[in-house]
Amino acid sequence: MKTLKEEVRFNCPAEELWSVLSDVGRCDWVPTIDEITLEGDCRHFEMTGMGQITEKILKQDHANMTLQYSAIQTPAPIEHHLATMQIAPLNDQECMLNWTTEISPDIFADGIHQGMLVSIEGIKKII
């Protein structure tokens, strides 16, 4: 299993970034997704180049600004996927996003990491 980590500073209040990431039906910051459908604690979407994916929202902790989710249905034979996004305020106008993803088998790590990087760039465009 590989663990991927990205730590990114944003020039916005932590609450502003959390309002984007905690809205689990929002996809304007993910360039490869056009629409998300919510069903209970699951979100369904089609990702360009990957196909239909279902993720289960495991934690949406507003007090600690933490979102945790797992891909539970994918076209690829993923054995384990666990992503955690946590926002830490640095001051009134800056925050840090810590995004960690566990993925197995390792062969999917590069693709997942590229998706994380593309999504971070998408966040930067709307913040």
C-alpha atoms as a PDB file:
ATOM      1  CA  MET A   1       0.000   0.000   0.000  1.00  0.00           C
ATOM      2  CA  LYS A   2       1.216   3.492  -0.853  1.00  0.00           C
ATOM      3  CA  THR A   3       0.454   6.636   1.086  1.00  0.00           C
ATOM      4  CA  LEU A   4       0.341   9.857  -0.925  1.00  0.00           C
ATOM      5  CA  LYS A   5       0.619  13.218   0.814  1.00  0.00           C
ATOM      6  CA  GLU A   6       0.121  16.785  -0.337  1.00  0.00           C
ATOM      7  CA  GLU A   7       0.438  19.806   1.921  1.00  0.00           C
ATOM      8  CA  VAL A   8      -0.661  23.073   0.333  1.00  0.00           C
ATOM      9  CA  ARG A   9      -0.931  26.606   1.723  1.00  0.00           C
ATOM     10  CA  PHE A  10      -3.960  28.625   0.611  1.00  0.00           C
ATOM     11  CA  ASN A  11      -4.327  32.395   0.865  1.00  0.00           C
ATOM     12  CA  CYS A  12      -7.829  32.309   2.288  1.00  0.00           C
ATOM     13  CA  PRO A  13      -9.427  31.759   5.677  1.00  0.00           C
ATOM     14  CA  ALA A  14      -9.706  28.088   6.673  1.00  0.00           C
ATOM     15  CA  GLU A  15     -13.500  28.416   6.819  1.00  0.00           C
ATOM     16  CA  GLU A  16     -13.613  29.517   3.173  1.00  0.00           C
ATOM     17  CA  LEU A  17     -11.678  26.447   2.006  1.00  0.00           C
ATOM     18  CA  TRP A  18     -13.735  24.196   4.289  1.00  0.00           C
ATOM     19  CA  SER A  19     -16.976  25.552   2.787  1.00  0.00           C
ATOM     20  CA  VAL A  20     -15.787  24.256  -0.606  1.00  0.00           C
ATOM     21  CA  LEU A  21     -14.427  20.874   0.473  1.00  0.00           C
ATOM     22  CA  SER A  22     -17.172  20.049   2.981  1.00  0.00           C
ATOM     23  CA  ASP A  23     -19.856  20.471   0.305  1.00  0.00           C
ATOM     24  CA  VAL A  24     -19.546  16.845  -0.833  1.00  0.00           C
ATOM     25  CA  GLY A  25     -21.872  17.387  -3.783  1.00  0.00           C
ATOM     26  CA  ARG A  26     -19.753  20.190  -5.196  1.00  0.00           C
ATOM     27  CA  CYS A  27     -17.406  19.318  -8.066  1.00  0.00           C
ATOM     28  CA  ASP A  28     -16.396  22.637  -9.676  1.00  0.00           C
ATOM     29  CA  TRP A  29     -12.887  22.221  -8.235  1.00  0.00           C
ATOM     30  CA  VAL A  30     -12.352  18.773  -9.777  1.00  0.00           C
ATOM     31  CA  PRO A  31     -11.683  19.292 -13.505  1.00  0.00           C
ATOM     32  CA  THR A  32     -12.372  15.629 -14.391  1.00  0.00           C
ATOM     33  CA  ILE A  33     -15.897  15.517 -12.896  1.00  0.00           C
ATOM     34  CA  ASP A  34     -18.970  17.240 -14.344  1.00  0.00           C
ATOM     35  CA  GLU A  35     -21.637  16.157 -11.847  1.00  0.00           C
ATOM     36  CA  ILE A  36     -21.963  14.398  -8.494  1.00  0.00           C
ATOM     37  CA  THR A  37     -25.068  12.567  -7.330  1.00  0.00           C
ATOM     38  CA  LEU A  38     -25.518  12.061  -3.589  1.00  0.00           C
ATOM     39  CA  GLU A  39     -27.279   9.051  -2.105  1.00  0.00           C
ATOM     40  CA  GLY A  40     -27.087   8.827   1.674  1.00  0.00           C
ATOM     41  CA  ASP A  41     -23.414   8.828   2.656  1.00  0.00           C
ATOM     42  CA  CYS A  42     -22.283   7.960  -0.889  1.00  0.00           C
ATOM     43  CA  ARG A  43     -21.438  10.163  -3.828  1.00  0.00           C
ATOM     44  CA  HIS A  44     -21.553   8.872  -7.390  1.00  0.00           C
ATOM     45  CA  PHE A  45     -19.804  10.438 -10.356  1.00  0.00           C
ATOM     46  CA  GLU A  46     -18.147   9.726 -13.663  1.00  0.00           C
ATOM     47  CA  MET A  47     -14.503  10.688 -13.813  1.00  0.00           C
ATOM     48  CA  THR A  48     -12.936  11.368 -17.191  1.00  0.00           C
ATOM     49  CA  GLY A  49     -10.537   8.549 -18.013  1.00  0.00           C
ATOM     50  CA  MET A  50     -11.707   6.399 -15.082  1.00  0.00           C
ATOM     51  CA  GLY A  51     -15.427   5.782 -15.530  1.00  0.00           C
ATOM     52  CA  GLN A  52     -18.167   5.500 -12.905  1.00  0.00           C
ATOM     53  CA  ILE A  53     -16.995   5.807  -9.292  1.00  0.00           C
ATOM     54  CA  THR A  54     -18.760   5.610  -5.933  1.00  0.00           C
ATOM     55  CA  GLU A  55     -17.171   7.077  -2.839  1.00  0.00           C
ATOM     56  CA  LYS A  56     -18.428   6.651   0.706  1.00  0.00           C
ATOM     57  CA  ILE A  57     -18.133   9.688   2.981  1.00  0.00           C
ATOM     58  CA  LEU A  58     -16.686   8.278   6.213  1.00  0.00           C
ATOM     59  CA  LYS A  59     -16.178  11.499   8.166  1.00  0.00           C
ATOM     60  CA  GLN A  60     -17.326  15.067   7.725  1.00  0.00           C
ATOM     61  CA  ASP A  61     -16.084  16.769  10.889  1.00  0.00           C
ATOM     62  CA  HIS A  62     -16.961  20.459  10.743  1.00  0.00           C
ATOM     63  CA  ALA A  63     -15.311  21.297  14.090  1.00  0.00           C
ATOM     64  CA  ASN A  64     -11.929  19.925  12.971  1.00  0.00           C
ATOM     65  CA  MET A  65     -12.412  20.678   9.253  1.00  0.00           C
ATOM     66  CA  THR A  66     -11.727  17.071   8.272  1.00  0.00           C
ATOM     67  CA  LEU A  67     -13.239  15.124   5.398  1.00  0.00           C
ATOM     68  CA  GLN A  68     -12.533  11.427   4.958  1.00  0.00           C
ATOM     69  CA  TYR A  69     -13.804   9.275   2.115  1.00  0.00           C
ATOM     70  CA  SER A  70     -13.168   5.945   0.430  1.00  0.00           C
ATOM     71  CA  ALA A  71     -13.681   4.802  -3.153  1.00  0.00           C
ATOM     72  CA  ILE A  72     -15.895   1.733  -2.739  1.00  0.00           C
ATOM     73  CA  GLN A  73     -16.787   1.054  -6.397  1.00  0.00           C
ATOM     74  CA  THR A  74     -14.472   1.743  -9.318  1.00  0.00           C
ATOM     75  CA  PRO A  75     -13.837   0.230 -12.754  1.00  0.00           C
ATOM     76  CA  ALA A  76     -10.247  -0.447 -11.611  1.00  0.00           C
ATOM     77  CA  PRO A  77      -9.509  -3.334  -9.222  1.00  0.00           C
ATOM     78  CA  ILE A  78      -8.648  -1.134  -6.252  1.00  0.00           C
ATOM     79  CA  GLU A  79      -8.248  -3.118  -3.033  1.00  0.00           C
ATOM     80  CA  HIS A  80      -7.974  -0.176  -0.631  1.00  0.00           C
ATOM     81  CA  HIS A  81      -8.566   3.566  -0.924  1.00  0.00           C
ATOM     82  CA  LEU A  82      -8.793   5.986   1.978  1.00  0.00           C
ATOM     83  CA  ALA A  83      -8.463   9.754   1.556  1.00  0.00           C
ATOM     84  CA  THR A  84      -8.338  12.341   4.322  1.00  0.00           C
ATOM     85  CA  MET A  85      -8.468  16.095   3.734  1.00  0.00           C
ATOM     86  CA  GLN A  86      -7.797  18.268   6.767  1.00  0.00           C
ATOM     87  CA  ILE A  87      -7.616  22.053   6.899  1.00  0.00           C
ATOM     88  CA  ALA A  88      -5.585  23.886   9.523  1.00  0.00           C
ATOM     89  CA  PRO A  89      -5.852  27.643   9.970  1.00  0.00           C
ATOM     90  CA  LEU A  90      -2.480  29.421   9.931  1.00  0.00           C
ATOM     91  CA  ASN A  91      -3.913  32.882  10.640  1.00  0.00           C
ATOM     92  CA  ASP A  92      -7.044  34.853   9.703  1.00  0.00           C
ATOM     93  CA  GLN A  93      -6.180  34.875   5.990  1.00  0.00           C
ATOM     94  CA  GLU A  94      -4.190  31.670   5.385  1.00  0.00           C
ATOM     95  CA  CYS A  95      -4.678  27.967   5.903  1.00  0.00           C
ATOM     96  CA  MET A  96      -2.977  24.664   5.167  1.00  0.00           C
ATOM     97  CA  LEU A  97      -4.608  21.727   3.412  1.00  0.00           C
ATOM     98  CA  ASN A  98      -3.188  18.331   4.340  1.00  0.00           C
ATOM     99  CA  TRP A  99      -4.450  15.679   1.931  1.00  0.00           C
ATOM    100  CA  THR A 100      -3.424  12.065   2.451  1.00  0.00           C
ATOM    101  CA  THR A 101      -4.512   9.120   0.349  1.00  0.00           C
ATOM    102  CA  GLU A 102      -3.820   5.446   1.005  1.00  0.00           C
ATOM    103  CA  ILE A 103      -4.049   3.311  -2.126  1.00  0.00           C
ATOM    104  CA  SER A 104      -3.558  -0.365  -2.911  1.00  0.00           C
ATOM    105  CA  PRO A 105      -2.385  -1.895  -5.148  1.00  0.00           C
ATOM    106  CA  ASP A 106       0.553   0.447  -5.656  1.00  0.00           C
ATOM    107  CA  ILE A 107       0.121   0.451  -9.441  1.00  0.00           C
ATOM    108  CA  PHE A 108      -2.727   2.967  -9.048  1.00  0.00           C
ATOM    109  CA  ALA A 109      -0.701   5.422  -6.925  1.00  0.00           C
ATOM    110  CA  ASP A 110       0.588   7.578  -9.797  1.00  0.00           C
ATOM    111  CA  GLY A 111      -2.888   8.056 -11.272  1.00  0.00           C
ATOM    112  CA  ILE A 112      -4.405   8.900  -7.890  1.00  0.00           C
ATOM    113  CA  HIS A 113      -1.577  11.324  -7.142  1.00  0.00           C
ATOM    114  CA  GLN A 114      -2.084  13.099 -10.483  1.00  0.00           C
ATOM    115  CA  GLY A 115      -5.787  13.401  -9.648  1.00  0.00           C
ATOM    116  CA  MET A 116      -4.906  14.995  -6.314  1.00  0.00           C
ATOM    117  CA  LEU A 117      -2.575  17.508  -7.989  1.00  0.00           C
ATOM    118  CA  VAL A 118      -5.148  18.424 -10.661  1.00  0.00           C
ATOM    119  CA  SER A 119      -7.789  18.881  -7.973  1.00  0.00           C
ATOM    120  CA  ILE A 120      -5.505  21.126  -5.903  1.00  0.00           C
ATOM    121  CA  GLU A 121      -5.012  23.329  -8.964  1.00  0.00           C
ATOM    122  CA  GLY A 122      -8.807  23.362  -9.373  1.00  0.00           C
ATOM    123  CA  ILE A 123      -9.225  24.515  -5.768  1.00  0.00           C
ATOM    124  CA  LYS A 124      -6.712  27.326  -6.349  1.00  0.00           C
ATOM    125  CA  LYS A 125      -8.772  28.565  -9.311  1.00  0.00           C
ATOM    126  CA  ILE A 126     -11.992  28.980  -7.341  1.00  0.00           C
ATOM    127  CA  ILE A 127     -10.553  30.277  -4.050  1.00  0.00           C
END
